[in-house]
Amino acid sequence: MKIEDDRVAITAGVRGGETLGAPIVLTIDNRDFASWQGRMGPEPFDRPPEPLTRPRPGHADLAGGLKYDRHDLRDVLERASARETAARTAAGAVARALLSAAGIDVFAHVVRIGEVAADASSLEMSQIKAISRVSDLSCADAEAEARMREAIRNASHAGDTLGGCFEVIATGAPPGLGSHVQWDRKLDGRLAQALMSIQAIKGVELGDGFAASARRGSTVHDAIAWSSGHFSRPTNHAGGLEGGMSNGEPIVCRAAMKPIATLRRALQSVDVVTKEAFDAAFERSDICAVAAASVVGEAMVALTLADALLEKFGGDSMRETMCNMQAFRDRVEAY
């Protein structure tokens, strides 16, 4: 939520601003911990706290309670909370530093909230990044952003929530990240899993994705050209991914986020102990978290690409990795 302003402390693995090769430890203090210590601590309870027994539709509460045989659903909802993405975002910043050294940049922008869609088709990627970075909703279309704000206000007044869609773009990735030879090494599959693992994400597409399924192949596949001593593509419908590998074009991923499931206007639920019908329990909630989710999406794409980069080029130091990468680039240029 906006009220949270956590800071990250590096507590191991870095000395004098440089990584050492040891695991990097990032610590984020949970300042809300103290108020829950008597109810969430590891010691046996002198007097058990009142259990949370009313599962919220759209959350992990009921499925998690059934899976792990827990009747106090707080045991489920605390771990399932999207607050854990703070750690992903912190780790993603480390991955971003590695990618930046390799000439790869990752950024996200919001392309839809509710029924309001943004149009950034006339902008260069550098413009999309610059404009979305200074937008509260991470949107590169000012006119659409104003309508998005109004849609969020209307949903809030109705006690409801909104979802949407964000796009993550990675520029500068060399061809050959990922592999076509084994299903679990395909980069498109790894990116889709990483994005789908974010709470409330219900759909992922790469390149033209679902829209491509409605068109003819002649309008979908990217022609290959040779100019100025290298291969190029006049279009990027594939989103920089072919055969499970990066092809040298910008990597484009989109993720669809469902509306936040915690509603002030609660949906009906059933108490897991008494089996009586109740309105679902309400925990604190935002109205729309698409812009925040886009930041997590950046982190997950950065982590996935950093993993693929090290898988491809290896090395025990930045200098070694960069040398290996340059040797590959030289070979590609001479292909």
C-alpha atoms as a PDB file:
ATOM      1  CA  MET A   1       0.000   0.000   0.000  1.00  0.00           C
ATOM      2  CA  LYS A   2       1.026   3.638  -0.354  1.00  0.00           C
ATOM      3  CA  ILE A   3       1.531   3.851   3.428  1.00  0.00           C
ATOM      4  CA  GLU A   4       4.410   1.369   3.209  1.00  0.00           C
ATOM      5  CA  ASP A   5       7.811   2.918   2.572  1.00  0.00           C
ATOM      6  CA  ASP A   6      10.153   0.022   3.276  1.00  0.00           C
ATOM      7  CA  ARG A   7      13.873   0.381   2.717  1.00  0.00           C
ATOM      8  CA  VAL A   8      16.321  -2.369   1.830  1.00  0.00           C
ATOM      9  CA  ALA A   9      19.573  -2.945   3.709  1.00  0.00           C
ATOM     10  CA  ILE A  10      22.412  -4.981   2.182  1.00  0.00           C
ATOM     11  CA  THR A  11      23.726  -7.080   5.068  1.00  0.00           C
ATOM     12  CA  ALA A  12      26.111  -9.513   3.336  1.00  0.00           C
ATOM     13  CA  GLY A  13      27.813 -10.267   0.031  1.00  0.00           C
ATOM     14  CA  VAL A  14      28.835  -6.697  -0.833  1.00  0.00           C
ATOM     15  CA  ARG A  15      31.938  -4.820   0.240  1.00  0.00           C
ATOM     16  CA  GLY A  16      32.819  -1.289  -0.746  1.00  0.00           C
ATOM     17  CA  GLY A  17      30.083  -1.249  -3.375  1.00  0.00           C
ATOM     18  CA  GLU A  18      31.232  -4.452  -5.086  1.00  0.00           C
ATOM     19  CA  THR A  19      29.846  -7.971  -4.882  1.00  0.00           C
ATOM     20  CA  LEU A  20      32.243 -10.607  -3.572  1.00  0.00           C
ATOM     21  CA  GLY A  21      30.881 -13.795  -5.139  1.00  0.00           C
ATOM     22  CA  ALA A  22      29.212 -14.745  -1.862  1.00  0.00           C
ATOM     23  CA  PRO A  23      25.413 -14.763  -1.507  1.00  0.00           C
ATOM     24  CA  ILE A  24      23.982 -11.241  -1.356  1.00  0.00           C
ATOM     25  CA  VAL A  25      21.709 -10.793   1.657  1.00  0.00           C
ATOM     26  CA  LEU A  26      19.008  -8.109   1.486  1.00  0.00           C
ATOM     27  CA  THR A  27      16.999  -7.255   4.595  1.00  0.00           C
ATOM     28  CA  ILE A  28      13.638  -5.464   4.674  1.00  0.00           C
ATOM     29  CA  ASP A  29      12.336  -4.754   8.173  1.00  0.00           C
ATOM     30  CA  ASN A  30       8.628  -5.384   8.713  1.00  0.00           C
ATOM     31  CA  ARG A  31       7.684  -2.553  11.041  1.00  0.00           C
ATOM     32  CA  ASP A  32       4.234  -4.068  11.500  1.00  0.00           C
ATOM     33  CA  PHE A  33       5.769  -7.166  13.090  1.00  0.00           C
ATOM     34  CA  ALA A  34       5.640  -5.925  16.672  1.00  0.00           C
ATOM     35  CA  SER A  35       1.866  -5.463  16.677  1.00  0.00           C
ATOM     36  CA  TRP A  36       1.388  -9.098  15.591  1.00  0.00           C
ATOM     37  CA  GLN A  37       4.032 -10.754  17.771  1.00  0.00           C
ATOM     38  CA  GLY A  38       1.550 -12.083  20.297  1.00  0.00           C
ATOM     39  CA  ARG A  39      -0.609 -13.593  17.547  1.00  0.00           C
ATOM     40  CA  MET A  40       1.918 -14.746  14.952  1.00  0.00           C
ATOM     41  CA  GLY A  41       5.010 -15.634  17.014  1.00  0.00           C
ATOM     42  CA  PRO A  42       6.635 -19.111  17.058  1.00  0.00           C
ATOM     43  CA  GLU A  43       6.140 -19.771  20.780  1.00  0.00           C
ATOM     44  CA  PRO A  44       3.103 -21.777  21.995  1.00  0.00           C
ATOM     45  CA  PHE A  45       0.191 -19.490  22.825  1.00  0.00           C
ATOM     46  CA  ASP A  46      -0.859 -19.083  26.477  1.00  0.00           C
ATOM     47  CA  ARG A  47      -4.264 -18.176  25.123  1.00  0.00           C
ATOM     48  CA  PRO A  48      -4.795 -18.873  21.415  1.00  0.00           C
ATOM     49  CA  PRO A  49      -5.818 -15.768  19.441  1.00  0.00           C
ATOM     50  CA  GLU A  50      -9.241 -15.667  17.880  1.00  0.00           C
ATOM     51  CA  PRO A  51      -8.970 -17.651  14.632  1.00  0.00           C
ATOM     52  CA  LEU A  52      -9.844 -16.261  11.234  1.00  0.00           C
ATOM     53  CA  THR A  53     -12.362 -18.741   9.875  1.00  0.00           C
ATOM     54  CA  ARG A  54     -14.103 -16.831   7.088  1.00  0.00           C
ATOM     55  CA  PRO A  55     -12.265 -17.356   3.764  1.00  0.00           C
ATOM     56  CA  ARG A  56     -12.246 -14.505   1.272  1.00  0.00           C
ATOM     57  CA  PRO A  57     -13.315 -15.352  -2.286  1.00  0.00           C
ATOM     58  CA  GLY A  58     -10.506 -14.919  -4.795  1.00  0.00           C
ATOM     59  CA  HIS A  59      -7.752 -15.495  -2.217  1.00  0.00           C
ATOM     60  CA  ALA A  60      -5.686 -18.518  -1.189  1.00  0.00           C
ATOM     61  CA  ASP A  61      -7.588 -18.766   2.114  1.00  0.00           C
ATOM     62  CA  LEU A  62      -9.897 -21.727   1.515  1.00  0.00           C
ATOM     63  CA  ALA A  63      -7.705 -23.711  -0.903  1.00  0.00           C
ATOM     64  CA  GLY A  64      -4.710 -23.267   1.418  1.00  0.00           C
ATOM     65  CA  GLY A  65      -6.727 -24.235   4.475  1.00  0.00           C
ATOM     66  CA  LEU A  66      -7.912 -27.404   2.758  1.00  0.00           C
ATOM     67  CA  LYS A  67      -4.407 -28.237   1.493  1.00  0.00           C
ATOM     68  CA  TYR A  68      -2.560 -27.771   4.794  1.00  0.00           C
ATOM     69  CA  ASP A  69      -5.422 -28.697   7.166  1.00  0.00           C
ATOM     70  CA  ARG A  70      -5.498 -25.267   8.851  1.00  0.00           C
ATOM     71  CA  HIS A  71      -8.708 -23.914  10.349  1.00  0.00           C
ATOM     72  CA  ASP A  72      -7.182 -20.579  11.334  1.00  0.00           C
ATOM     73  CA  LEU A  73      -6.874 -19.130   7.855  1.00  0.00           C
ATOM     74  CA  ARG A  74      -4.411 -16.460   8.956  1.00  0.00           C
ATOM     75  CA  ASP A  75      -1.817 -19.233   8.672  1.00  0.00           C
ATOM     76  CA  VAL A  76      -2.545 -19.163   4.936  1.00  0.00           C
ATOM     77  CA  LEU A  77      -3.233 -15.549   4.106  1.00  0.00           C
ATOM     78  CA  GLU A  78      -0.098 -14.132   5.731  1.00  0.00           C
ATOM     79  CA  ARG A  79       2.217 -16.292   3.605  1.00  0.00           C
ATOM     80  CA  ALA A  80       0.106 -15.894   0.464  1.00  0.00           C
ATOM     81  CA  SER A  81       0.111 -12.108   0.793  1.00  0.00           C
ATOM     82  CA  ALA A  82       1.569 -10.037  -2.043  1.00  0.00           C
ATOM     83  CA  ARG A  83       3.769  -8.377   0.576  1.00  0.00           C
ATOM     84  CA  GLU A  84       6.322 -11.097  -0.237  1.00  0.00           C
ATOM     85  CA  THR A  85       6.902  -9.384  -3.581  1.00  0.00           C
ATOM     86  CA  ALA A  86       8.948  -6.753  -1.734  1.00  0.00           C
ATOM     87  CA  ALA A  87      11.710  -9.373  -1.546  1.00  0.00           C
ATOM     88  CA  ARG A  88      11.337 -10.218  -5.236  1.00  0.00           C
ATOM     89  CA  THR A  89      11.647  -6.549  -6.159  1.00  0.00           C
ATOM     90  CA  ALA A  90      14.770  -6.140  -4.028  1.00  0.00           C
ATOM     91  CA  ALA A  91      16.391  -9.202  -5.632  1.00  0.00           C
ATOM     92  CA  GLY A  92      15.269  -7.945  -9.033  1.00  0.00           C
ATOM     93  CA  ALA A  93      17.269  -4.756  -8.472  1.00  0.00           C
ATOM     94  CA  VAL A  94      20.430  -6.863  -8.135  1.00  0.00           C
ATOM     95  CA  ALA A  95      19.557  -8.718 -11.337  1.00  0.00           C
ATOM     96  CA  ARG A  96      18.934  -5.371 -13.044  1.00  0.00           C
ATOM     97  CA  ALA A  97      22.478  -4.240 -12.145  1.00  0.00           C
ATOM     98  CA  LEU A  98      23.901  -7.365 -13.784  1.00  0.00           C
ATOM     99  CA  LEU A  99      21.767  -6.893 -16.897  1.00  0.00           C
ATOM    100  CA  SER A 100      22.700  -3.219 -17.126  1.00  0.00           C
ATOM    101  CA  ALA A 101      26.387  -4.137 -17.257  1.00  0.00           C
ATOM    102  CA  ALA A 102      25.507  -6.437 -20.167  1.00  0.00           C
ATOM    103  CA  GLY A 103      23.655  -3.650 -21.992  1.00  0.00           C
ATOM    104  CA  ILE A 104      20.168  -4.983 -21.222  1.00  0.00           C
ATOM    105  CA  ASP A 105      17.469  -2.625 -19.914  1.00  0.00           C
ATOM    106  CA  VAL A 106      14.136  -3.750 -18.441  1.00  0.00           C
ATOM    107  CA  PHE A 107      11.154  -1.463 -17.871  1.00  0.00           C
ATOM    108  CA  ALA A 108       7.381  -1.758 -17.558  1.00  0.00           C
ATOM    109  CA  HIS A 109       4.364   0.389 -18.260  1.00  0.00           C
ATOM    110  CA  VAL A 110       0.630   0.023 -17.700  1.00  0.00           C
ATOM    111  CA  VAL A 111      -1.399  -0.518 -20.863  1.00  0.00           C
ATOM    112  CA  ARG A 112      -4.871  -0.961 -19.377  1.00  0.00           C
ATOM    113  CA  ILE A 113      -6.809  -0.432 -16.148  1.00  0.00           C
ATOM    114  CA  GLY A 114     -10.339  -1.751 -16.156  1.00  0.00           C
ATOM    115  CA  GLU A 115     -11.840  -0.915 -19.531  1.00  0.00           C
ATOM    116  CA  VAL A 116      -9.490   2.027 -20.168  1.00  0.00           C
ATOM    117  CA  ALA A 117      -6.669   1.151 -22.580  1.00  0.00           C
ATOM    118  CA  ALA A 118      -3.566   3.250 -23.219  1.00  0.00           C
ATOM    119  CA  ASP A 119      -2.113   3.830 -26.686  1.00  0.00           C
ATOM    120  CA  ALA A 120       1.660   4.264 -26.840  1.00  0.00           C
ATOM    121  CA  SER A 121       2.039   2.936 -30.390  1.00  0.00           C
ATOM    122  CA  SER A 122       3.319   6.282 -31.703  1.00  0.00           C
ATOM    123  CA  LEU A 123       6.122   6.481 -29.116  1.00  0.00           C
ATOM    124  CA  GLU A 124       9.664   5.162 -29.185  1.00  0.00           C
ATOM    125  CA  MET A 125      10.559   2.724 -26.426  1.00  0.00           C
ATOM    126  CA  SER A 126      12.785   5.319 -24.767  1.00  0.00           C
ATOM    127  CA  GLN A 127       9.819   7.714 -24.670  1.00  0.00           C
ATOM    128  CA  ILE A 128       7.513   5.056 -23.211  1.00  0.00           C
ATOM    129  CA  LYS A 129      10.034   4.412 -20.447  1.00  0.00           C
ATOM    130  CA  ALA A 130      10.622   8.103 -19.675  1.00  0.00           C
ATOM    131  CA  ILE A 131       6.931   9.041 -19.563  1.00  0.00           C
ATOM    132  CA  SER A 132       5.769   6.005 -17.595  1.00  0.00           C
ATOM    133  CA  ARG A 133       8.564   6.487 -15.045  1.00  0.00           C
ATOM    134  CA  VAL A 134       7.117   9.852 -13.935  1.00  0.00           C
ATOM    135  CA  SER A 135       3.484   8.722 -14.054  1.00  0.00           C
ATOM    136  CA  ASP A 136       1.756   7.673 -10.831  1.00  0.00           C
ATOM    137  CA  LEU A 137      -0.001   4.928 -12.784  1.00  0.00           C
ATOM    138  CA  SER A 138       3.111   4.017 -14.836  1.00  0.00           C
ATOM    139  CA  CYS A 139       1.189   4.949 -17.991  1.00  0.00           C
ATOM    140  CA  ALA A 140       2.735   6.557 -21.079  1.00  0.00           C
ATOM    141  CA  ASP A 141      -0.599   7.897 -22.377  1.00  0.00           C
ATOM    142  CA  ALA A 142      -1.602  11.022 -20.420  1.00  0.00           C
ATOM    143  CA  GLU A 143      -5.167  11.110 -21.770  1.00  0.00           C
ATOM    144  CA  ALA A 144      -5.759   7.468 -20.907  1.00  0.00           C
ATOM    145  CA  GLU A 145      -4.182   7.971 -17.475  1.00  0.00           C
ATOM    146  CA  ALA A 146      -6.753  10.627 -16.625  1.00  0.00           C
ATOM    147  CA  ARG A 147      -9.562   8.224 -17.528  1.00  0.00           C
ATOM    148  CA  MET A 148      -7.871   5.465 -15.539  1.00  0.00           C
ATOM    149  CA  ARG A 149      -7.863   7.710 -12.460  1.00  0.00           C
ATOM    150  CA  GLU A 150     -11.570   8.359 -12.893  1.00  0.00           C
ATOM    151  CA  ALA A 151     -12.286   4.633 -13.255  1.00  0.00           C
ATOM    152  CA  ILE A 152     -10.364   3.924 -10.038  1.00  0.00           C
ATOM    153  CA  ARG A 153     -12.266   6.644  -8.177  1.00  0.00           C
ATOM    154  CA  ASN A 154     -15.587   5.247  -9.368  1.00  0.00           C
ATOM    155  CA  ALA A 155     -14.634   1.737  -8.297  1.00  0.00           C
ATOM    156  CA  SER A 156     -13.545   3.023  -4.886  1.00  0.00           C
ATOM    157  CA  HIS A 157     -16.838   4.834  -4.300  1.00  0.00           C
ATOM    158  CA  ALA A 158     -18.648   1.602  -5.174  1.00  0.00           C
ATOM    159  CA  GLY A 159     -16.566  -0.422  -2.687  1.00  0.00           C
ATOM    160  CA  ASP A 160     -15.104  -2.347  -5.604  1.00  0.00           C
ATOM    161  CA  THR A 161     -11.692  -2.960  -7.206  1.00  0.00           C
ATOM    162  CA  LEU A 162     -10.109  -2.900 -10.673  1.00  0.00           C
ATOM    163  CA  GLY A 163      -7.539  -4.984 -12.515  1.00  0.00           C
ATOM    164  CA  GLY A 164      -5.697  -4.325 -15.744  1.00  0.00           C
ATOM    165  CA  CYS A 165      -2.677  -5.158 -17.841  1.00  0.00           C
ATOM    166  CA  PHE A 166       0.965  -4.123 -17.867  1.00  0.00           C
ATOM    167  CA  GLU A 167       3.756  -4.635 -20.374  1.00  0.00           C
ATOM    168  CA  VAL A 168       7.402  -5.418 -19.586  1.00  0.00           C
ATOM    169  CA  ILE A 169      10.013  -4.674 -22.256  1.00  0.00           C
ATOM    170  CA  ALA A 170      13.652  -5.756 -22.262  1.00  0.00           C
ATOM    171  CA  THR A 171      15.956  -4.084 -24.782  1.00  0.00           C
ATOM    172  CA  GLY A 172      19.519  -5.055 -25.627  1.00  0.00           C
ATOM    173  CA  ALA A 173      19.193  -8.803 -25.013  1.00  0.00           C
ATOM    174  CA  PRO A 174      21.473 -10.788 -27.320  1.00  0.00           C
ATOM    175  CA  PRO A 175      20.109 -13.654 -29.414  1.00  0.00           C
ATOM    176  CA  GLY A 176      20.418 -17.125 -27.942  1.00  0.00           C
ATOM    177  CA  LEU A 177      19.226 -16.724 -24.349  1.00  0.00           C
ATOM    178  CA  GLY A 178      17.174 -19.813 -23.477  1.00  0.00           C
ATOM    179  CA  SER A 179      17.143 -22.952 -25.597  1.00  0.00           C
ATOM    180  CA  HIS A 180      15.007 -24.915 -28.037  1.00  0.00           C
ATOM    181  CA  VAL A 181      16.337 -28.331 -26.996  1.00  0.00           C
ATOM    182  CA  GLN A 182      14.528 -28.845 -23.685  1.00  0.00           C
ATOM    183  CA  TRP A 183      11.105 -27.708 -22.532  1.00  0.00           C
ATOM    184  CA  ASP A 184      12.190 -26.294 -19.175  1.00  0.00           C
ATOM    185  CA  ARG A 185      14.977 -24.210 -20.728  1.00  0.00           C
ATOM    186  CA  LYS A 186      12.721 -22.352 -23.169  1.00  0.00           C
ATOM    187  CA  LEU A 187      12.948 -18.663 -22.314  1.00  0.00           C
ATOM    188  CA  ASP A 188       9.359 -17.854 -23.235  1.00  0.00           C
ATOM    189  CA  GLY A 189       8.104 -20.563 -20.849  1.00  0.00           C
ATOM    190  CA  ARG A 190      10.352 -19.310 -18.066  1.00  0.00           C
ATOM    191  CA  LEU A 191       9.201 -15.720 -18.521  1.00  0.00           C
ATOM    192  CA  ALA A 192       5.544 -16.773 -18.557  1.00  0.00           C
ATOM    193  CA  GLN A 193       5.956 -18.763 -15.322  1.00  0.00           C
ATOM    194  CA  ALA A 194       7.820 -15.920 -13.619  1.00  0.00           C
ATOM    195  CA  LEU A 195       5.103 -13.406 -14.445  1.00  0.00           C
ATOM    196  CA  MET A 196       2.240 -15.806 -13.717  1.00  0.00           C
ATOM    197  CA  SER A 197       3.704 -16.441 -10.255  1.00  0.00           C
ATOM    198  CA  ILE A 198       2.911 -12.855  -9.218  1.00  0.00           C
ATOM    199  CA  GLN A 199      -0.211 -12.661  -7.083  1.00  0.00           C
ATOM    200  CA  ALA A 200      -3.411 -11.888  -9.050  1.00  0.00           C
ATOM    201  CA  ILE A 201      -1.799 -12.375 -12.478  1.00  0.00           C
ATOM    202  CA  LYS A 202      -4.173 -14.560 -14.521  1.00  0.00           C
ATOM    203  CA  GLY A 203      -2.813 -14.268 -18.043  1.00  0.00           C
ATOM    204  CA  VAL A 204       0.536 -13.770 -19.797  1.00  0.00           C
ATOM    205  CA  GLU A 205       1.284 -13.170 -23.465  1.00  0.00           C
ATOM    206  CA  LEU A 206       4.547 -12.683 -25.343  1.00  0.00           C
ATOM    207  CA  GLY A 207       4.699 -10.455 -28.394  1.00  0.00           C
ATOM    208  CA  ASP A 208       1.320 -10.253 -30.104  1.00  0.00           C
ATOM    209  CA  GLY A 209       0.180 -13.238 -28.031  1.00  0.00           C
ATOM    210  CA  PHE A 210      -3.552 -13.807 -28.108  1.00  0.00           C
ATOM    211  CA  ALA A 211      -4.153 -11.272 -30.874  1.00  0.00           C
ATOM    212  CA  ALA A 212      -1.879 -13.277 -33.188  1.00  0.00           C
ATOM    213  CA  SER A 213      -4.130 -16.321 -32.831  1.00  0.00           C
ATOM    214  CA  ALA A 214      -6.871 -14.485 -34.762  1.00  0.00           C
ATOM    215  CA  ARG A 215      -4.687 -13.470 -37.721  1.00  0.00           C
ATOM    216  CA  ARG A 216      -3.114 -15.213 -40.689  1.00  0.00           C
ATOM    217  CA  GLY A 217       0.486 -16.326 -40.478  1.00  0.00           C
ATOM    218  CA  SER A 218       1.585 -13.915 -43.187  1.00  0.00           C
ATOM    219  CA  THR A 219       0.660 -11.017 -40.871  1.00  0.00           C
ATOM    220  CA  VAL A 220       2.123 -12.543 -37.706  1.00  0.00           C
ATOM    221  CA  HIS A 221       5.636 -13.827 -38.403  1.00  0.00           C
ATOM    222  CA  ASP A 222       8.561 -11.420 -38.595  1.00  0.00           C
ATOM    223  CA  ALA A 223      10.490 -11.339 -41.864  1.00  0.00           C
ATOM    224  CA  ILE A 224      14.278 -11.566 -41.696  1.00  0.00           C
ATOM    225  CA  ALA A 225      16.510  -9.027 -43.429  1.00  0.00           C
ATOM    226  CA  TRP A 226      20.260  -8.468 -43.742  1.00  0.00           C
ATOM    227  CA  SER A 227      21.542  -4.920 -43.568  1.00  0.00           C
ATOM    228  CA  SER A 228      24.680  -3.135 -42.355  1.00  0.00           C
ATOM    229  CA  GLY A 229      26.344  -6.443 -41.612  1.00  0.00           C
ATOM    230  CA  HIS A 230      23.727  -7.955 -39.340  1.00  0.00           C
ATOM    231  CA  PHE A 231      20.320  -9.642 -39.317  1.00  0.00           C
ATOM    232  CA  SER A 232      17.307  -7.454 -38.602  1.00  0.00           C
ATOM    233  CA  ARG A 233      13.517  -7.638 -38.354  1.00  0.00           C
ATOM    234  CA  PRO A 234      11.215  -4.921 -39.729  1.00  0.00           C
ATOM    235  CA  THR A 235       8.551  -6.041 -37.209  1.00  0.00           C
ATOM    236  CA  ASN A 236       8.556  -7.674 -33.779  1.00  0.00           C
ATOM    237  CA  HIS A 237       5.275  -9.576 -33.565  1.00  0.00           C
ATOM    238  CA  ALA A 238       7.109 -12.446 -31.830  1.00  0.00           C
ATOM    239  CA  GLY A 239       8.121 -10.185 -28.966  1.00  0.00           C
ATOM    240  CA  GLY A 240      11.816 -10.988 -29.329  1.00  0.00           C
ATOM    241  CA  LEU A 241      11.332 -14.733 -28.772  1.00  0.00           C
ATOM    242  CA  GLU A 242      11.424 -17.568 -31.295  1.00  0.00           C
ATOM    243  CA  GLY A 243      11.770 -21.282 -30.597  1.00  0.00           C
ATOM    244  CA  GLY A 244      12.197 -20.682 -26.873  1.00  0.00           C
ATOM    245  CA  MET A 245      15.135 -18.298 -27.408  1.00  0.00           C
ATOM    246  CA  SER A 246      15.730 -14.582 -27.608  1.00  0.00           C
ATOM    247  CA  ASN A 247      16.299 -13.476 -31.207  1.00  0.00           C
ATOM    248  CA  GLY A 248      17.962 -10.105 -30.596  1.00  0.00           C
ATOM    249  CA  GLU A 249      14.817  -7.987 -30.855  1.00  0.00           C
ATOM    250  CA  PRO A 250      13.251  -6.322 -27.781  1.00  0.00           C
ATOM    251  CA  ILE A 251      11.590  -8.880 -25.529  1.00  0.00           C
ATOM    252  CA  VAL A 252       7.957  -7.888 -24.939  1.00  0.00           C
ATOM    253  CA  CYS A 253       5.779  -9.532 -22.265  1.00  0.00           C
ATOM    254  CA  ARG A 254       2.305  -8.599 -21.062  1.00  0.00           C
ATOM    255  CA  ALA A 255       0.558  -9.706 -17.898  1.00  0.00           C
ATOM    256  CA  ALA A 256      -3.152  -9.458 -17.089  1.00  0.00           C
ATOM    257  CA  MET A 257      -4.009  -8.776 -13.447  1.00  0.00           C
ATOM    258  CA  LYS A 258      -7.418  -9.596 -12.030  1.00  0.00           C
ATOM    259  CA  PRO A 259      -9.137  -7.061  -9.759  1.00  0.00           C
ATOM    260  CA  ILE A 260      -7.892  -7.184  -6.160  1.00  0.00           C
ATOM    261  CA  ALA A 261      -9.914  -9.855  -4.366  1.00  0.00           C
ATOM    262  CA  THR A 262     -10.228  -8.001  -1.047  1.00  0.00           C
ATOM    263  CA  LEU A 263     -13.447  -5.997  -1.334  1.00  0.00           C
ATOM    264  CA  ARG A 264     -15.002  -3.517   1.081  1.00  0.00           C
ATOM    265  CA  ARG A 265     -18.305  -4.633  -0.425  1.00  0.00           C
ATOM    266  CA  ALA A 266     -17.720  -8.188   0.741  1.00  0.00           C
ATOM    267  CA  LEU A 267     -18.846 -11.254  -1.178  1.00  0.00           C
ATOM    268  CA  GLN A 268     -20.605 -14.124   0.539  1.00  0.00           C
ATOM    269  CA  SER A 269     -18.521 -16.853   2.104  1.00  0.00           C
ATOM    270  CA  VAL A 270     -18.897 -19.769   4.535  1.00  0.00           C
ATOM    271  CA  ASP A 271     -17.268 -20.143   7.957  1.00  0.00           C
ATOM    272  CA  VAL A 272     -14.914 -23.137   7.765  1.00  0.00           C
ATOM    273  CA  VAL A 273     -15.727 -24.200  11.322  1.00  0.00           C
ATOM    274  CA  THR A 274     -19.454 -23.554  11.743  1.00  0.00           C
ATOM    275  CA  LYS A 275     -20.304 -23.846   8.024  1.00  0.00           C
ATOM    276  CA  GLU A 276     -22.611 -20.842   8.416  1.00  0.00           C
ATOM    277  CA  ALA A 277     -22.898 -18.265   5.645  1.00  0.00           C
ATOM    278  CA  PHE A 278     -21.146 -14.953   6.336  1.00  0.00           C
ATOM    279  CA  ASP A 279     -19.829 -11.956   4.469  1.00  0.00           C
ATOM    280  CA  ALA A 280     -16.138 -12.549   3.772  1.00  0.00           C
ATOM    281  CA  ALA A 281     -13.602 -11.056   6.165  1.00  0.00           C
ATOM    282  CA  PHE A 282     -12.014  -7.761   5.062  1.00  0.00           C
ATOM    283  CA  GLU A 283      -8.293  -7.087   5.327  1.00  0.00           C
ATOM    284  CA  ARG A 284      -6.774  -3.733   4.349  1.00  0.00           C
ATOM    285  CA  SER A 285      -6.714  -3.270   0.600  1.00  0.00           C
ATOM    286  CA  ASP A 286      -5.978  -0.928  -2.254  1.00  0.00           C
ATOM    287  CA  ILE A 287      -8.460  -0.374  -5.087  1.00  0.00           C
ATOM    288  CA  CYS A 288      -6.101  -1.026  -7.986  1.00  0.00           C
ATOM    289  CA  ALA A 289      -2.547  -2.404  -7.828  1.00  0.00           C
ATOM    290  CA  VAL A 290      -1.697  -2.719 -11.524  1.00  0.00           C
ATOM    291  CA  ALA A 291       1.009  -0.029 -11.425  1.00  0.00           C
ATOM    292  CA  ALA A 292       2.603  -1.651  -8.363  1.00  0.00           C
ATOM    293  CA  ALA A 293       2.391  -5.077  -9.994  1.00  0.00           C
ATOM    294  CA  SER A 294       4.239  -3.732 -13.030  1.00  0.00           C
ATOM    295  CA  VAL A 295       7.242  -3.021 -10.788  1.00  0.00           C
ATOM    296  CA  VAL A 296       7.151  -6.625  -9.591  1.00  0.00           C
ATOM    297  CA  GLY A 297       6.837  -7.709 -13.233  1.00  0.00           C
ATOM    298  CA  GLU A 298      10.025  -5.797 -14.046  1.00  0.00           C
ATOM    299  CA  ALA A 299      11.797  -7.616 -11.215  1.00  0.00           C
ATOM    300  CA  MET A 300      10.627 -11.071 -12.332  1.00  0.00           C
ATOM    301  CA  VAL A 301      11.654 -10.481 -15.943  1.00  0.00           C
ATOM    302  CA  ALA A 302      15.025  -9.137 -14.760  1.00  0.00           C
ATOM    303  CA  LEU A 303      15.596 -12.193 -12.550  1.00  0.00           C
ATOM    304  CA  THR A 304      14.662 -14.561 -15.374  1.00  0.00           C
ATOM    305  CA  LEU A 305      16.888 -12.842 -17.930  1.00  0.00           C
ATOM    306  CA  ALA A 306      19.803 -12.643 -15.486  1.00  0.00           C
ATOM    307  CA  ASP A 307      19.478 -16.373 -14.886  1.00  0.00           C
ATOM    308  CA  ALA A 308      19.425 -17.047 -18.632  1.00  0.00           C
ATOM    309  CA  LEU A 309      22.377 -14.699 -19.178  1.00  0.00           C
ATOM    310  CA  LEU A 310      24.567 -16.503 -16.628  1.00  0.00           C
ATOM    311  CA  GLU A 311      23.403 -19.858 -17.976  1.00  0.00           C
ATOM    312  CA  LYS A 312      24.582 -18.816 -21.441  1.00  0.00           C
ATOM    313  CA  PHE A 313      27.814 -16.998 -20.618  1.00  0.00           C
ATOM    314  CA  GLY A 314      28.859 -18.274 -17.171  1.00  0.00           C
ATOM    315  CA  GLY A 315      31.857 -16.786 -15.394  1.00  0.00           C
ATOM    316  CA  ASP A 316      32.858 -16.192 -11.780  1.00  0.00           C
ATOM    317  CA  SER A 317      33.367 -12.444 -12.133  1.00  0.00           C
ATOM    318  CA  MET A 318      31.751  -9.646 -14.088  1.00  0.00           C
ATOM    319  CA  ARG A 319      34.905  -9.288 -16.176  1.00  0.00           C
ATOM    320  CA  GLU A 320      34.835 -12.961 -17.144  1.00  0.00           C
ATOM    321  CA  THR A 321      31.115 -12.924 -17.939  1.00  0.00           C
ATOM    322  CA  MET A 322      31.431  -9.794 -20.059  1.00  0.00           C
ATOM    323  CA  CYS A 323      34.411 -11.255 -21.938  1.00  0.00           C
ATOM    324  CA  ASN A 324      32.433 -14.399 -22.682  1.00  0.00           C
ATOM    325  CA  MET A 325      29.502 -12.326 -23.841  1.00  0.00           C
ATOM    326  CA  GLN A 326      31.662 -10.164 -26.096  1.00  0.00           C
ATOM    327  CA  ALA A 327      33.205 -13.271 -27.667  1.00  0.00           C
ATOM    328  CA  PHE A 328      29.692 -14.498 -28.457  1.00  0.00           C
ATOM    329  CA  ARG A 329      28.703 -11.133 -29.933  1.00  0.00           C
ATOM    330  CA  ASP A 330      31.818 -11.191 -32.119  1.00  0.00           C
ATOM    331  CA  ARG A 331      30.923 -14.679 -33.353  1.00  0.00           C
ATOM    332  CA  VAL A 332      27.361 -13.588 -34.121  1.00  0.00           C
ATOM    333  CA  GLU A 333      28.646 -10.589 -36.078  1.00  0.00           C
ATOM    334  CA  ALA A 334      30.844 -12.929 -38.135  1.00  0.00           C
ATOM    335  CA  TYR A 335      28.060 -15.511 -38.680  1.00  0.00           C
END
